[in-house]
C-alpha atoms as a PDB file:
ATOM      1  CA  MET A   1       0.147   0.046   0.158  1.00  0.00           C
ATOM      2  CA  ASN A   2       1.386   3.225  -1.019  1.00  0.00           C
ATOM      3  CA  THR A   3       1.350   6.285   1.270  1.00  0.00           C
ATOM      4  CA  PRO A   4      -1.496   8.915   0.874  1.00  0.00           C
ATOM      5  CA  THR A   5       0.825  11.692   0.004  1.00  0.00           C
ATOM      6  CA  PRO A   6       4.413  11.801  -1.424  1.00  0.00           C
ATOM      7  CA  GLN A   7       7.061  12.128   1.031  1.00  0.00           C
ATOM      8  CA  LYS A   8      10.751  12.988   0.781  1.00  0.00           C
ATOM      9  CA  PRO A   9      12.973  10.258   1.445  1.00  0.00           C
ATOM     10  CA  ASP A  10      14.215  11.907   4.703  1.00  0.00           C
ATOM     11  CA  GLN A  11      10.934  12.919   5.813  1.00  0.00           C
ATOM     12  CA  LYS A  12       9.298  11.151   8.920  1.00  0.00           C
ATOM     13  CA  PRO A  13       5.986   9.319   8.295  1.00  0.00           C
ATOM     14  CA  GLY A  14       3.294  11.604   9.760  1.00  0.00           C
ATOM     15  CA  PHE A  15       0.155  10.609  11.465  1.00  0.00           C
ATOM     16  CA  ILE A  16      -2.108   9.490   9.060  1.00  0.00           C
ATOM     17  CA  SER A  17       0.671   7.641   7.426  1.00  0.00           C
ATOM     18  CA  GLY A  18       1.106   6.000  10.742  1.00  0.00           C
ATOM     19  CA  ILE A  19      -2.451   4.973  11.047  1.00  0.00           C
ATOM     20  CA  LEU A  20      -2.793   3.793   7.371  1.00  0.00           C
ATOM     21  CA  SER A  21       0.562   1.818   7.637  1.00  0.00           C
ATOM     22  CA  ALA A  22      -0.969   0.253  10.878  1.00  0.00           C
ATOM     23  CA  LEU A  23      -4.342  -0.425   9.151  1.00  0.00           C
ATOM     24  CA  ALA A  24      -2.320  -2.147   5.876  1.00  0.00           C
ATOM     25  CA  ALA A  25      -0.214  -4.039   8.428  1.00  0.00           C
ATOM     26  CA  LEU A  26      -3.310  -5.464  10.204  1.00  0.00           C
ATOM     27  CA  ILE A  27      -4.862  -6.823   7.310  1.00  0.00           C
ATOM     28  CA  GLY A  28      -1.661  -7.809   5.588  1.00  0.00           C
ATOM     29  CA  ILE A  29      -1.040  -5.749   2.802  1.00  0.00           C
ATOM     30  CA  GLN A  30       1.786  -3.817   3.887  1.00  0.00           C
ATOM     31  CA  SER A  31       4.585  -3.635   1.330  1.00  0.00           C
ATOM     32  CA  SER A  32       7.981  -4.441   2.590  1.00  0.00           C
ATOM     33  CA  ARG A  33       9.148  -0.984   1.415  1.00  0.00           C
ATOM     34  CA  ASN A  34       6.764   0.721   3.427  1.00  0.00           C
ATOM     35  CA  ARG A  35       7.473  -1.549   6.431  1.00  0.00           C
ATOM     36  CA  GLU A  36      11.183  -0.725   6.278  1.00  0.00           C
ATOM     37  CA  ARG A  37      10.427   2.912   6.417  1.00  0.00           C
ATOM     38  CA  ASP A  38       8.230   2.606   9.244  1.00  0.00           C
ATOM     39  CA  PHE A  39      10.846   0.821  11.252  1.00  0.00           C
ATOM     40  CA  LYS A  40      13.517   3.004  10.290  1.00  0.00           C
ATOM     41  CA  ARG A  41      11.884   6.592  10.447  1.00  0.00           C
ATOM     42  CA  ALA A  42       8.735   6.542  12.014  1.00  0.00           C
ATOM     43  CA  LYS A  43       8.175   7.169  15.869  1.00  0.00           C
ATOM     44  CA  PRO A  44       7.312   4.492  17.871  1.00  0.00           C
ATOM     45  CA  GLU A  45       4.207   6.462  19.638  1.00  0.00           C
ATOM     46  CA  VAL A  46       2.627   7.156  16.043  1.00  0.00           C
ATOM     47  CA  LEU A  47       2.930   3.719  15.215  1.00  0.00           C
ATOM     48  CA  ILE A  48       1.353   2.506  18.577  1.00  0.00           C
ATOM     49  CA  PHE A  49      -1.416   4.875  18.760  1.00  0.00           C
ATOM     50  CA  GLY A  50      -2.083   3.641  14.774  1.00  0.00           C
ATOM     51  CA  GLY A  51      -2.373   0.346  15.772  1.00  0.00           C
ATOM     52  CA  MET A  52      -4.478   0.660  18.608  1.00  0.00           C
ATOM     53  CA  ILE A  53      -6.874   3.066  16.291  1.00  0.00           C
ATOM     54  CA  ALA A  54      -6.561  -0.125  13.557  1.00  0.00           C
ATOM     55  CA  VAL A  55      -7.785  -2.632  16.229  1.00  0.00           C
ATOM     56  CA  MET A  56     -10.439  -0.893  17.579  1.00  0.00           C
ATOM     57  CA  LEU A  57     -11.671   0.012  13.800  1.00  0.00           C
ATOM     58  CA  PHE A  58     -11.415  -3.754  13.105  1.00  0.00           C
ATOM     59  CA  ILE A  59     -13.479  -4.762  16.410  1.00  0.00           C
ATOM     60  CA  LEU A  60     -16.191  -2.308  15.460  1.00  0.00           C
ATOM     61  CA  CYS A  61     -16.153  -3.680  11.935  1.00  0.00           C
ATOM     62  CA  VAL A  62     -16.552  -7.282  13.319  1.00  0.00           C
ATOM     63  CA  LEU A  63     -19.087  -6.270  15.987  1.00  0.00           C
ATOM     64  CA  LEU A  64     -21.159  -4.421  13.037  1.00  0.00           C
ATOM     65  CA  ALA A  65     -20.961  -7.478  10.962  1.00  0.00           C
ATOM     66  CA  VAL A  66     -22.172  -9.674  13.719  1.00  0.00           C
ATOM     67  CA  ARG A  67     -25.060  -7.283  14.450  1.00  0.00           C
ATOM     68  CA  VAL A  68     -26.318  -7.123  10.920  1.00  0.00           C
ATOM     69  CA  ALA A  69     -26.143 -11.056  10.499  1.00  0.00           C
ATOM     70  CA  MET A  70     -28.062 -11.366  13.927  1.00  0.00           C
ATOM     71  CA  GLN A  71     -30.769  -8.977  12.479  1.00  0.00           C
ATOM     72  CA  HIS A  72     -31.094 -10.847   9.259  1.00  0.00           C
ATOM     73  CA  ALA A  73     -30.823 -14.152  10.913  1.00  0.00           C
ATOM     74  CA  ALA A  74     -33.990 -13.152  13.221  1.00  0.00           C
ATOM     75  CA  GLN A  75     -36.429 -12.409  10.287  1.00  0.00           C
END
């Protein structure tokens, strides 16, 4: 997954880029180039917070899918 905005090679990934990177890693589509960039340049706080947001979004999606499935099963 490419970053949403072009970055200079020496520029640190931003907050949104950290969240998108965590989401991509969570679902398994993170490119090796972006993963290496994150480990070399990103602040750990951004990646940790991005990971927490990614996990919360994943849990909310699963809960929503279960709720929709349960409503359709009850009809």
